[in-house]
Amino acid sequence: MEWTRPLSLVLVALVAVLALGAAVEIGRTTLASADYAVVSGAALAFVVLVVAGVTAFGAKNRQWLQNPDSYW
């Protein structure tokens, strides 16, 4: 079906906007406090590395990028 590609694009854009908003909020609240800045930065870096690793592992096959019809 042809509606899956626009749906995929909209969902990716939504996730990107939510991630950007979360990053701004983390920078504004957690990382701005001097007491916990180092610990918060280390935890955030760990989460980013885990998410990037899981995404790379999931995209290793790349079939889900080529055929979104079978994914949805």
PDB file of N, CA and C in Angstrom:
ATOM      1  N   MET A   1       0.832  -1.178   0.000  1.00  0.00           N
ATOM      2  CA  MET A   1       0.000   0.000   0.000  1.00  0.00           C
ATOM      3  C   MET A   1       0.878   1.244   0.000  1.00  0.00           C
ATOM      4  N   GLU A   2       0.388   2.273  -0.629  1.00  0.00           N
ATOM      5  CA  GLU A   2       1.166   3.491  -0.766  1.00  0.00           C
ATOM      6  C   GLU A   2       1.062   4.406   0.448  1.00  0.00           C
ATOM      7  N   TRP A   3       0.163   4.150   1.360  1.00  0.00           N
ATOM      8  CA  TRP A   3       0.000   5.025   2.515  1.00  0.00           C
ATOM      9  C   TRP A   3       1.024   4.745   3.605  1.00  0.00           C
ATOM     10  N   THR A   4       1.755   3.652   3.490  1.00  0.00           N
ATOM     11  CA  THR A   4       2.706   3.315   4.547  1.00  0.00           C
ATOM     12  C   THR A   4       3.945   4.197   4.519  1.00  0.00           C
ATOM     13  N   ARG A   5       4.374   4.615   3.347  1.00  0.00           N
ATOM     14  CA  ARG A   5       5.556   5.479   3.279  1.00  0.00           C
ATOM     15  C   ARG A   5       5.298   6.844   3.906  1.00  0.00           C
ATOM     16  N   PRO A   6       4.187   7.523   3.577  1.00  0.00           N
ATOM     17  CA  PRO A   6       3.925   8.795   4.275  1.00  0.00           C
ATOM     18  C   PRO A   6       3.716   8.604   5.777  1.00  0.00           C
ATOM     19  N   LEU A   7       3.093   7.505   6.166  1.00  0.00           N
ATOM     20  CA  LEU A   7       2.914   7.223   7.587  1.00  0.00           C
ATOM     21  C   LEU A   7       4.266   7.044   8.270  1.00  0.00           C
ATOM     22  N   SER A   8       5.176   6.349   7.631  1.00  0.00           N
ATOM     23  CA  SER A   8       6.518   6.170   8.183  1.00  0.00           C
ATOM     24  C   SER A   8       7.220   7.512   8.341  1.00  0.00           C
ATOM     25  N   LEU A   9       7.087   8.368   7.329  1.00  0.00           N
ATOM     26  CA  LEU A   9       7.717   9.688   7.381  1.00  0.00           C
ATOM     27  C   LEU A   9       7.139  10.521   8.519  1.00  0.00           C
ATOM     28  N   VAL A  10       5.834  10.496   8.684  1.00  0.00           N
ATOM     29  CA  VAL A  10       5.192  11.262   9.750  1.00  0.00           C
ATOM     30  C   VAL A  10       5.625  10.742  11.123  1.00  0.00           C
ATOM     31  N   LEU A  11       5.690   9.436  11.277  1.00  0.00           N
ATOM     32  CA  LEU A  11       6.097   8.877  12.564  1.00  0.00           C
ATOM     33  C   LEU A  11       7.559   9.178  12.881  1.00  0.00           C
ATOM     34  N   VAL A  12       8.415   9.130  11.884  1.00  0.00           N
ATOM     35  CA  VAL A  12       9.828   9.466  12.100  1.00  0.00           C
ATOM     36  C   VAL A  12       9.960  10.941  12.473  1.00  0.00           C
ATOM     37  N   ALA A  13       9.212  11.810  11.792  1.00  0.00           N
ATOM     38  CA  ALA A  13       9.246  13.237  12.116  1.00  0.00           C
ATOM     39  C   ALA A  13       8.729  13.488  13.533  1.00  0.00           C
ATOM     40  N   LEU A  14       7.686  12.777  13.929  1.00  0.00           N
ATOM     41  CA  LEU A  14       7.146  12.925  15.279  1.00  0.00           C
ATOM     42  C   LEU A  14       8.164  12.497  16.331  1.00  0.00           C
ATOM     43  N   VAL A  15       8.823  11.390  16.102  1.00  0.00           N
ATOM     44  CA  VAL A  15       9.843  10.929  17.043  1.00  0.00           C
ATOM     45  C   VAL A  15      10.999  11.920  17.111  1.00  0.00           C
ATOM     46  N   ALA A  16      11.386  12.490  15.968  1.00  0.00           N
ATOM     47  CA  ALA A  16      12.475  13.466  15.952  1.00  0.00           C
ATOM     48  C   ALA A  16      12.095  14.724  16.735  1.00  0.00           C
ATOM     49  N   VAL A  17      10.879  15.192  16.576  1.00  0.00           N
ATOM     50  CA  VAL A  17      10.427  16.380  17.302  1.00  0.00           C
ATOM     51  C   VAL A  17      10.370  16.091  18.804  1.00  0.00           C
ATOM     52  N   LEU A  18       9.860  14.935  19.172  1.00  0.00           N
ATOM     53  CA  LEU A  18       9.808  14.575  20.591  1.00  0.00           C
ATOM     54  C   LEU A  18      11.202  14.433  21.193  1.00  0.00           C
ATOM     55  N   ALA A  19      12.130  13.854  20.433  1.00  0.00           N
ATOM     56  CA  ALA A  19      13.502  13.703  20.920  1.00  0.00           C
ATOM     57  C   ALA A  19      14.171  15.073  21.080  1.00  0.00           C
ATOM     58  N   LEU A  20      13.924  15.978  20.151  1.00  0.00           N
ATOM     59  CA  LEU A  20      14.491  17.319  20.258  1.00  0.00           C
ATOM     60  C   LEU A  20      13.924  18.044  21.474  1.00  0.00           C
ATOM     61  N   GLY A  21      12.623  17.936  21.682  1.00  0.00           N
ATOM     62  CA  GLY A  21      12.013  18.545  22.860  1.00  0.00           C
ATOM     63  C   GLY A  21      12.548  17.959  24.154  1.00  0.00           C
ATOM     64  N   ALA A  22      12.755  16.658  24.174  1.00  0.00           N
ATOM     65  CA  ALA A  22      13.313  16.015  25.360  1.00  0.00           C
ATOM     66  C   ALA A  22      14.740  16.479  25.609  1.00  0.00           C
ATOM     67  N   ALA A  23      15.519  16.625  24.548  1.00  0.00           N
ATOM     68  CA  ALA A  23      16.901  17.087  24.709  1.00  0.00           C
ATOM     69  C   ALA A  23      16.948  18.508  25.249  1.00  0.00           C
ATOM     70  N   VAL A  24      16.056  19.352  24.762  1.00  0.00           N
ATOM     71  CA  VAL A  24      16.000  20.728  25.272  1.00  0.00           C
ATOM     72  C   VAL A  24      15.607  20.731  26.747  1.00  0.00           C
ATOM     73  N   GLU A  25      14.635  19.919  27.101  1.00  0.00           N
ATOM     74  CA  GLU A  25      14.189  19.857  28.496  1.00  0.00           C
ATOM     75  C   GLU A  25      15.276  19.301  29.410  1.00  0.00           C
ATOM     76  N   ILE A  26      16.001  18.293  28.942  1.00  0.00           N
ATOM     77  CA  ILE A  26      17.110  17.751  29.737  1.00  0.00           C
ATOM     78  C   ILE A  26      18.189  18.812  29.933  1.00  0.00           C
ATOM     79  N   GLY A  27      18.504  19.523  28.870  1.00  0.00           N
ATOM     80  CA  GLY A  27      19.511  20.580  28.993  1.00  0.00           C
ATOM     81  C   GLY A  27      19.064  21.712  29.892  1.00  0.00           C
ATOM     82  N   ARG A  28      17.778  22.022  29.852  1.00  0.00           N
ATOM     83  CA  ARG A  28      17.258  23.137  30.634  1.00  0.00           C
ATOM     84  C   ARG A  28      17.143  22.804  32.114  1.00  0.00           C
ATOM     85  N   THR A  29      16.828  21.582  32.436  1.00  0.00           N
ATOM     86  CA  THR A  29      16.587  21.242  33.843  1.00  0.00           C
ATOM     87  C   THR A  29      17.733  20.460  34.453  1.00  0.00           C
ATOM     88  N   THR A  30      17.968  19.261  33.976  1.00  0.00           N
ATOM     89  CA  THR A  30      18.911  18.357  34.631  1.00  0.00           C
ATOM     90  C   THR A  30      20.355  18.794  34.467  1.00  0.00           C
ATOM     91  N   LEU A  31      20.768  19.053  33.252  1.00  0.00           N
ATOM     92  CA  LEU A  31      22.175  19.376  33.013  1.00  0.00           C
ATOM     93  C   LEU A  31      22.532  20.788  33.442  1.00  0.00           C
ATOM     94  N   ALA A  32      21.544  21.648  33.666  1.00  0.00           N
ATOM     95  CA  ALA A  32      21.822  23.021  34.073  1.00  0.00           C
ATOM     96  C   ALA A  32      22.201  23.121  35.545  1.00  0.00           C
ATOM     97  N   SER A  33      21.769  22.154  36.346  1.00  0.00           N
ATOM     98  CA  SER A  33      22.122  22.214  37.766  1.00  0.00           C
ATOM     99  C   SER A  33      23.568  21.762  37.935  1.00  0.00           C
ATOM    100  N   ALA A  34      24.334  22.546  38.658  1.00  0.00           N
ATOM    101  CA  ALA A  34      25.763  22.274  38.806  1.00  0.00           C
ATOM    102  C   ALA A  34      26.026  21.028  39.644  1.00  0.00           C
ATOM    103  N   ASP A  35      25.103  20.694  40.528  1.00  0.00           N
ATOM    104  CA  ASP A  35      25.332  19.566  41.437  1.00  0.00           C
ATOM    105  C   ASP A  35      25.371  18.229  40.711  1.00  0.00           C
ATOM    106  N   TYR A  36      24.511  18.051  39.742  1.00  0.00           N
ATOM    107  CA  TYR A  36      24.363  16.741  39.100  1.00  0.00           C
ATOM    108  C   TYR A  36      24.721  16.758  37.617  1.00  0.00           C
ATOM    109  N   ALA A  37      25.395  17.769  37.140  1.00  0.00           N
ATOM    110  CA  ALA A  37      25.659  17.915  35.707  1.00  0.00           C
ATOM    111  C   ALA A  37      26.517  16.772  35.163  1.00  0.00           C
ATOM    112  N   VAL A  38      27.555  16.394  35.864  1.00  0.00           N
ATOM    113  CA  VAL A  38      28.463  15.350  35.375  1.00  0.00           C
ATOM    114  C   VAL A  38      27.763  13.993  35.377  1.00  0.00           C
ATOM    115  N   VAL A  39      27.087  13.682  36.450  1.00  0.00           N
ATOM    116  CA  VAL A  39      26.399  12.400  36.554  1.00  0.00           C
ATOM    117  C   VAL A  39      25.263  12.320  35.541  1.00  0.00           C
ATOM    118  N   SER A  40      24.521  13.405  35.400  1.00  0.00           N
ATOM    119  CA  SER A  40      23.420  13.428  34.437  1.00  0.00           C
ATOM    120  C   SER A  40      23.938  13.312  33.012  1.00  0.00           C
ATOM    121  N   GLY A  41      25.044  13.985  32.723  1.00  0.00           N
ATOM    122  CA  GLY A  41      25.633  13.889  31.387  1.00  0.00           C
ATOM    123  C   GLY A  41      26.115  12.489  31.077  1.00  0.00           C
ATOM    124  N   ALA A  42      26.703  11.830  32.069  1.00  0.00           N
ATOM    125  CA  ALA A  42      27.169  10.458  31.861  1.00  0.00           C
ATOM    126  C   ALA A  42      25.992   9.510  31.636  1.00  0.00           C
ATOM    127  N   ALA A  43      24.929   9.667  32.404  1.00  0.00           N
ATOM    128  CA  ALA A  43      23.744   8.819  32.224  1.00  0.00           C
ATOM    129  C   ALA A  43      23.096   9.071  30.869  1.00  0.00           C
ATOM    130  N   LEU A  44      23.026  10.326  30.470  1.00  0.00           N
ATOM    131  CA  LEU A  44      22.453  10.658  29.159  1.00  0.00           C
ATOM    132  C   LEU A  44      23.301  10.090  28.030  1.00  0.00           C
ATOM    133  N   ALA A  45      24.612  10.182  28.145  1.00  0.00           N
ATOM    134  CA  ALA A  45      25.496   9.622  27.122  1.00  0.00           C
ATOM    135  C   ALA A  45      25.330   8.111  27.035  1.00  0.00           C
ATOM    136  N   PHE A  46      25.174   7.447  28.178  1.00  0.00           N
ATOM    137  CA  PHE A  46      24.957   6.002  28.192  1.00  0.00           C
ATOM    138  C   PHE A  46      23.657   5.637  27.479  1.00  0.00           C
ATOM    139  N   VAL A  47      22.596   6.369  27.753  1.00  0.00           N
ATOM    140  CA  VAL A  47      21.307   6.103  27.106  1.00  0.00           C
ATOM    141  C   VAL A  47      21.406   6.321  25.595  1.00  0.00           C
ATOM    142  N   VAL A  48      22.076   7.380  25.192  1.00  0.00           N
ATOM    143  CA  VAL A  48      22.236   7.654  23.755  1.00  0.00           C
ATOM    144  C   VAL A  48      23.027   6.538  23.082  1.00  0.00           C
ATOM    145  N   LEU A  49      24.079   6.064  23.722  1.00  0.00           N
ATOM    146  CA  LEU A  49      24.878   4.975  23.145  1.00  0.00           C
ATOM    147  C   LEU A  49      24.075   3.678  23.050  1.00  0.00           C
ATOM    148  N   VAL A  50      23.286   3.384  24.076  1.00  0.00           N
ATOM    149  CA  VAL A  50      22.465   2.170  24.042  1.00  0.00           C
ATOM    150  C   VAL A  50      21.420   2.245  22.933  1.00  0.00           C
ATOM    151  N   VAL A  51      20.747   3.382  22.813  1.00  0.00           N
ATOM    152  CA  VAL A  51      19.734   3.534  21.761  1.00  0.00           C
ATOM    153  C   VAL A  51      20.382   3.458  20.382  1.00  0.00           C
ATOM    154  N   ALA A  52      21.526   4.100  20.200  1.00  0.00           N
ATOM    155  CA  ALA A  52      22.221   4.036  18.912  1.00  0.00           C
ATOM    156  C   ALA A  52      22.670   2.614  18.596  1.00  0.00           C
ATOM    157  N   GLY A  53      23.154   1.901  19.602  1.00  0.00           N
ATOM    158  CA  GLY A  53      23.577   0.514  19.378  1.00  0.00           C
ATOM    159  C   GLY A  53      22.425  -0.396  19.014  1.00  0.00           C
ATOM    160  N   VAL A  54      21.322  -0.251  19.711  1.00  0.00           N
ATOM    161  CA  VAL A  54      20.150  -1.075  19.409  1.00  0.00           C
ATOM    162  C   VAL A  54      19.601  -0.741  18.023  1.00  0.00           C
ATOM    163  N   THR A  55      19.605   0.537  17.661  1.00  0.00           N
ATOM    164  CA  THR A  55      19.146   0.930  16.328  1.00  0.00           C
ATOM    165  C   THR A  55      20.058   0.362  15.250  1.00  0.00           C
ATOM    166  N   ALA A  56      21.366   0.432  15.459  1.00  0.00           N
ATOM    167  CA  ALA A  56      22.306  -0.122  14.485  1.00  0.00           C
ATOM    168  C   ALA A  56      22.138  -1.632  14.365  1.00  0.00           C
ATOM    169  N   PHE A  57      21.926  -2.297  15.495  1.00  0.00           N
ATOM    170  CA  PHE A  57      21.704  -3.744  15.471  1.00  0.00           C
ATOM    171  C   PHE A  57      20.412  -4.087  14.739  1.00  0.00           C
ATOM    172  N   GLY A  58      19.365  -3.308  14.969  1.00  0.00           N
ATOM    173  CA  GLY A  58      18.086  -3.553  14.293  1.00  0.00           C
ATOM    174  C   GLY A  58      18.133  -3.234  12.813  1.00  0.00           C
ATOM    175  N   ALA A  59      18.960  -2.262  12.424  1.00  0.00           N
ATOM    176  CA  ALA A  59      19.057  -1.870  11.022  1.00  0.00           C
ATOM    177  C   ALA A  59      20.092  -2.683  10.260  1.00  0.00           C
ATOM    178  N   LYS A  60      20.748  -3.599  10.929  1.00  0.00           N
ATOM    179  CA  LYS A  60      21.793  -4.391  10.278  1.00  0.00           C
ATOM    180  C   LYS A  60      21.242  -5.139   9.066  1.00  0.00           C
ATOM    181  N   ASN A  61      20.052  -5.622   9.180  1.00  0.00           N
ATOM    182  CA  ASN A  61      19.404  -6.339   8.105  1.00  0.00           C
ATOM    183  C   ASN A  61      19.022  -5.403   6.966  1.00  0.00           C
ATOM    184  N   ARG A  62      18.602  -4.186   7.277  1.00  0.00           N
ATOM    185  CA  ARG A  62      18.197  -3.119   6.355  1.00  0.00           C
ATOM    186  C   ARG A  62      16.941  -3.474   5.556  1.00  0.00           C
ATOM    187  N   GLN A  63      16.379  -4.627   5.743  1.00  0.00           N
ATOM    188  CA  GLN A  63      15.162  -4.985   5.023  1.00  0.00           C
ATOM    189  C   GLN A  63      13.995  -4.103   5.468  1.00  0.00           C
ATOM    190  N   TRP A  64      13.953  -3.724   6.731  1.00  0.00           N
ATOM    191  CA  TRP A  64      12.858  -2.905   7.226  1.00  0.00           C
ATOM    192  C   TRP A  64      12.902  -1.502   6.642  1.00  0.00           C
ATOM    193  N   LEU A  65      14.073  -1.071   6.134  1.00  0.00           N
ATOM    194  CA  LEU A  65      14.159   0.223   5.479  1.00  0.00           C
ATOM    195  C   LEU A  65      13.715   0.144   4.022  1.00  0.00           C
ATOM    196  N   GLN A  66      13.904  -0.989   3.382  1.00  0.00           N
ATOM    197  CA  GLN A  66      13.596  -1.130   1.969  1.00  0.00           C
ATOM    198  C   GLN A  66      12.138  -1.458   1.711  1.00  0.00           C
ATOM    199  N   ASN A  67      11.476  -2.124   2.644  1.00  0.00           N
ATOM    200  CA  ASN A  67      10.106  -2.560   2.407  1.00  0.00           C
ATOM    201  C   ASN A  67       9.243  -2.267   3.636  1.00  0.00           C
ATOM    202  N   PRO A  68       8.754  -1.020   3.762  1.00  0.00           N
ATOM    203  CA  PRO A  68       7.954  -0.693   4.941  1.00  0.00           C
ATOM    204  C   PRO A  68       6.592  -1.392   4.937  1.00  0.00           C
ATOM    205  N   ASP A  69       6.143  -1.889   3.788  1.00  0.00           N
ATOM    206  CA  ASP A  69       4.847  -2.591   3.751  1.00  0.00           C
ATOM    207  C   ASP A  69       4.884  -3.850   4.606  1.00  0.00           C
ATOM    208  N   SER A  70       5.972  -4.566   4.555  1.00  0.00           N
ATOM    209  CA  SER A  70       6.065  -5.781   5.352  1.00  0.00           C
ATOM    210  C   SER A  70       6.302  -5.446   6.824  1.00  0.00           C
ATOM    211  N   TYR A  71       6.891  -4.273   7.091  1.00  0.00           N
ATOM    212  CA  TYR A  71       7.127  -3.878   8.472  1.00  0.00           C
ATOM    213  C   TYR A  71       5.814  -3.532   9.169  1.00  0.00           C
ATOM    214  N   TRP A  72       4.951  -2.786   8.487  1.00  0.00           N
ATOM    215  CA  TRP A  72       3.694  -2.366   9.092  1.00  0.00           C
ATOM    216  C   TRP A  72       2.673  -3.456   8.963  1.00  0.00           C
TER     217      TRP A  72
END
